[in-house]
Amino acid sequence: MHDPKAIETLRRHVIPVDLESAAPRLLEAIDPDVSLVLIGEATHGTLEFYRIRADLTRALIRQRGFNVVAVEADRPDAYRANQWVR
């Protein structure tokens, strides 16, 4: 059974994006005064989601001045990324 209130809430808040416009549109939707952005579990699974997540993270760093990225990752992958950053 469909919940009409849930569907209406989704219609008001979902941001449809394609791969090329995802990061700019998502960045635009994030309040410029926030100091914390959580990119959730739903971004796991496909190359497209990984690319969008990477693009958004890059934009948050370059355009919004974020300077910390905390990730959930396998240790070997996280170690390599940490070595590259340092």
C-alpha atoms as a PDB file:
ATOM      1  CA  MET A   1       0.000   0.000   0.000  1.00  0.00           C
ATOM      2  CA  HIS A   2       1.303   3.478  -0.899  1.00  0.00           C
ATOM      3  CA  ASP A   3       1.456   6.184   1.740  1.00  0.00           C
ATOM      4  CA  PRO A   4       0.209   9.413   0.114  1.00  0.00           C
ATOM      5  CA  LYS A   5       1.998  11.594   2.693  1.00  0.00           C
ATOM      6  CA  ALA A   6       5.319   9.832   2.062  1.00  0.00           C
ATOM      7  CA  ILE A   7       4.899  10.160  -1.690  1.00  0.00           C
ATOM      8  CA  GLU A   8       4.124  13.869  -1.369  1.00  0.00           C
ATOM      9  CA  THR A   9       7.153  14.387   0.875  1.00  0.00           C
ATOM     10  CA  LEU A  10       9.360  12.661  -1.684  1.00  0.00           C
ATOM     11  CA  ARG A  11       7.937  14.768  -4.501  1.00  0.00           C
ATOM     12  CA  ARG A  12       8.817  17.941  -2.588  1.00  0.00           C
ATOM     13  CA  HIS A  13      12.354  16.935  -1.606  1.00  0.00           C
ATOM     14  CA  VAL A  14      13.782  14.536  -4.179  1.00  0.00           C
ATOM     15  CA  ILE A  15      16.225  16.129  -6.603  1.00  0.00           C
ATOM     16  CA  PRO A  16      16.227  14.296  -9.921  1.00  0.00           C
ATOM     17  CA  VAL A  17      19.717  14.264 -11.379  1.00  0.00           C
ATOM     18  CA  ASP A  18      21.619  12.707 -14.202  1.00  0.00           C
ATOM     19  CA  LEU A  19      25.264  11.759 -14.007  1.00  0.00           C
ATOM     20  CA  GLU A  20      26.548  14.981 -15.592  1.00  0.00           C
ATOM     21  CA  SER A  21      24.493  17.380 -13.474  1.00  0.00           C
ATOM     22  CA  ALA A  22      24.369  15.514 -10.173  1.00  0.00           C
ATOM     23  CA  ALA A  23      27.128  17.219  -8.178  1.00  0.00           C
ATOM     24  CA  PRO A  24      26.265  20.812  -9.172  1.00  0.00           C
ATOM     25  CA  ARG A  25      22.554  20.275  -8.479  1.00  0.00           C
ATOM     26  CA  LEU A  26      23.203  18.583  -5.145  1.00  0.00           C
ATOM     27  CA  LEU A  27      25.710  21.259  -4.132  1.00  0.00           C
ATOM     28  CA  GLU A  28      23.144  23.903  -5.007  1.00  0.00           C
ATOM     29  CA  ALA A  29      20.609  22.187  -2.724  1.00  0.00           C
ATOM     30  CA  ILE A  30      22.974  22.196   0.279  1.00  0.00           C
ATOM     31  CA  ASP A  31      22.592  25.261   2.497  1.00  0.00           C
ATOM     32  CA  PRO A  32      25.812  27.311   2.202  1.00  0.00           C
ATOM     33  CA  ASP A  33      25.962  27.756   5.985  1.00  0.00           C
ATOM     34  CA  VAL A  34      26.131  24.072   6.900  1.00  0.00           C
ATOM     35  CA  SER A  35      29.346  22.710   8.352  1.00  0.00           C
ATOM     36  CA  LEU A  36      28.547  19.015   8.001  1.00  0.00           C
ATOM     37  CA  VAL A  37      27.274  17.086   4.998  1.00  0.00           C
ATOM     38  CA  LEU A  38      26.457  13.392   5.256  1.00  0.00           C
ATOM     39  CA  ILE A  39      26.491  11.385   2.047  1.00  0.00           C
ATOM     40  CA  GLY A  40      24.655   8.237   3.024  1.00  0.00           C
ATOM     41  CA  GLU A  41      24.479   4.538   2.537  1.00  0.00           C
ATOM     42  CA  ALA A  42      22.338   4.914  -0.574  1.00  0.00           C
ATOM     43  CA  THR A  43      25.444   6.036  -2.473  1.00  0.00           C
ATOM     44  CA  HIS A  44      26.970   2.554  -2.271  1.00  0.00           C
ATOM     45  CA  GLY A  45      26.764   0.062  -5.057  1.00  0.00           C
ATOM     46  CA  THR A  46      27.231   1.361  -8.565  1.00  0.00           C
ATOM     47  CA  LEU A  47      29.910   3.173 -10.504  1.00  0.00           C
ATOM     48  CA  GLU A  48      27.442   6.008 -11.128  1.00  0.00           C
ATOM     49  CA  PHE A  49      26.806   6.535  -7.417  1.00  0.00           C
ATOM     50  CA  TYR A  50      30.535   6.402  -6.663  1.00  0.00           C
ATOM     51  CA  ARG A  51      31.216   8.987  -9.357  1.00  0.00           C
ATOM     52  CA  ILE A  52      28.459  11.307  -8.108  1.00  0.00           C
ATOM     53  CA  ARG A  53      29.719  10.938  -4.543  1.00  0.00           C
ATOM     54  CA  ALA A  54      33.307  11.697  -5.598  1.00  0.00           C
ATOM     55  CA  ASP A  55      32.204  14.721  -7.639  1.00  0.00           C
ATOM     56  CA  LEU A  56      30.099  16.067  -4.771  1.00  0.00           C
ATOM     57  CA  THR A  57      32.917  15.539  -2.263  1.00  0.00           C
ATOM     58  CA  ARG A  58      35.363  17.326  -4.582  1.00  0.00           C
ATOM     59  CA  ALA A  59      32.924  20.242  -4.986  1.00  0.00           C
ATOM     60  CA  LEU A  60      32.390  20.503  -1.217  1.00  0.00           C
ATOM     61  CA  ILE A  61      36.154  20.761  -0.746  1.00  0.00           C
ATOM     62  CA  ARG A  62      36.949  23.089  -3.635  1.00  0.00           C
ATOM     63  CA  GLN A  63      33.878  25.314  -3.672  1.00  0.00           C
ATOM     64  CA  ARG A  64      32.694  25.268  -0.066  1.00  0.00           C
ATOM     65  CA  GLY A  65      35.997  24.972   1.775  1.00  0.00           C
ATOM     66  CA  PHE A  66      35.357  21.687   3.565  1.00  0.00           C
ATOM     67  CA  ASN A  67      38.630  20.271   4.875  1.00  0.00           C
ATOM     68  CA  VAL A  68      37.675  16.953   6.481  1.00  0.00           C
ATOM     69  CA  VAL A  69      36.276  13.852   4.816  1.00  0.00           C
ATOM     70  CA  ALA A  70      35.330  10.878   6.958  1.00  0.00           C
ATOM     71  CA  VAL A  71      34.560   7.691   5.092  1.00  0.00           C
ATOM     72  CA  GLU A  72      33.355   4.207   5.732  1.00  0.00           C
ATOM     73  CA  ALA A  73      35.729   2.028   3.761  1.00  0.00           C
ATOM     74  CA  ASP A  74      37.684  -1.182   3.769  1.00  0.00           C
ATOM     75  CA  ARG A  75      40.992  -0.720   5.534  1.00  0.00           C
ATOM     76  CA  PRO A  76      43.259  -1.323   2.504  1.00  0.00           C
ATOM     77  CA  ASP A  77      41.315   1.188   0.388  1.00  0.00           C
ATOM     78  CA  ALA A  78      41.194   3.738   3.194  1.00  0.00           C
ATOM     79  CA  TYR A  79      44.920   3.305   3.865  1.00  0.00           C
ATOM     80  CA  ARG A  80      45.806   3.946   0.201  1.00  0.00           C
ATOM     81  CA  ALA A  81      43.576   7.035   0.114  1.00  0.00           C
ATOM     82  CA  ASN A  82      45.116   8.319   3.347  1.00  0.00           C
ATOM     83  CA  GLN A  83      48.643   7.786   1.984  1.00  0.00           C
ATOM     84  CA  TRP A  84      47.737   9.695  -1.181  1.00  0.00           C
ATOM     85  CA  VAL A  85      46.245  12.615   0.791  1.00  0.00           C
ATOM     86  CA  ARG A  86      49.236  12.868   3.092  1.00  0.00           C
END
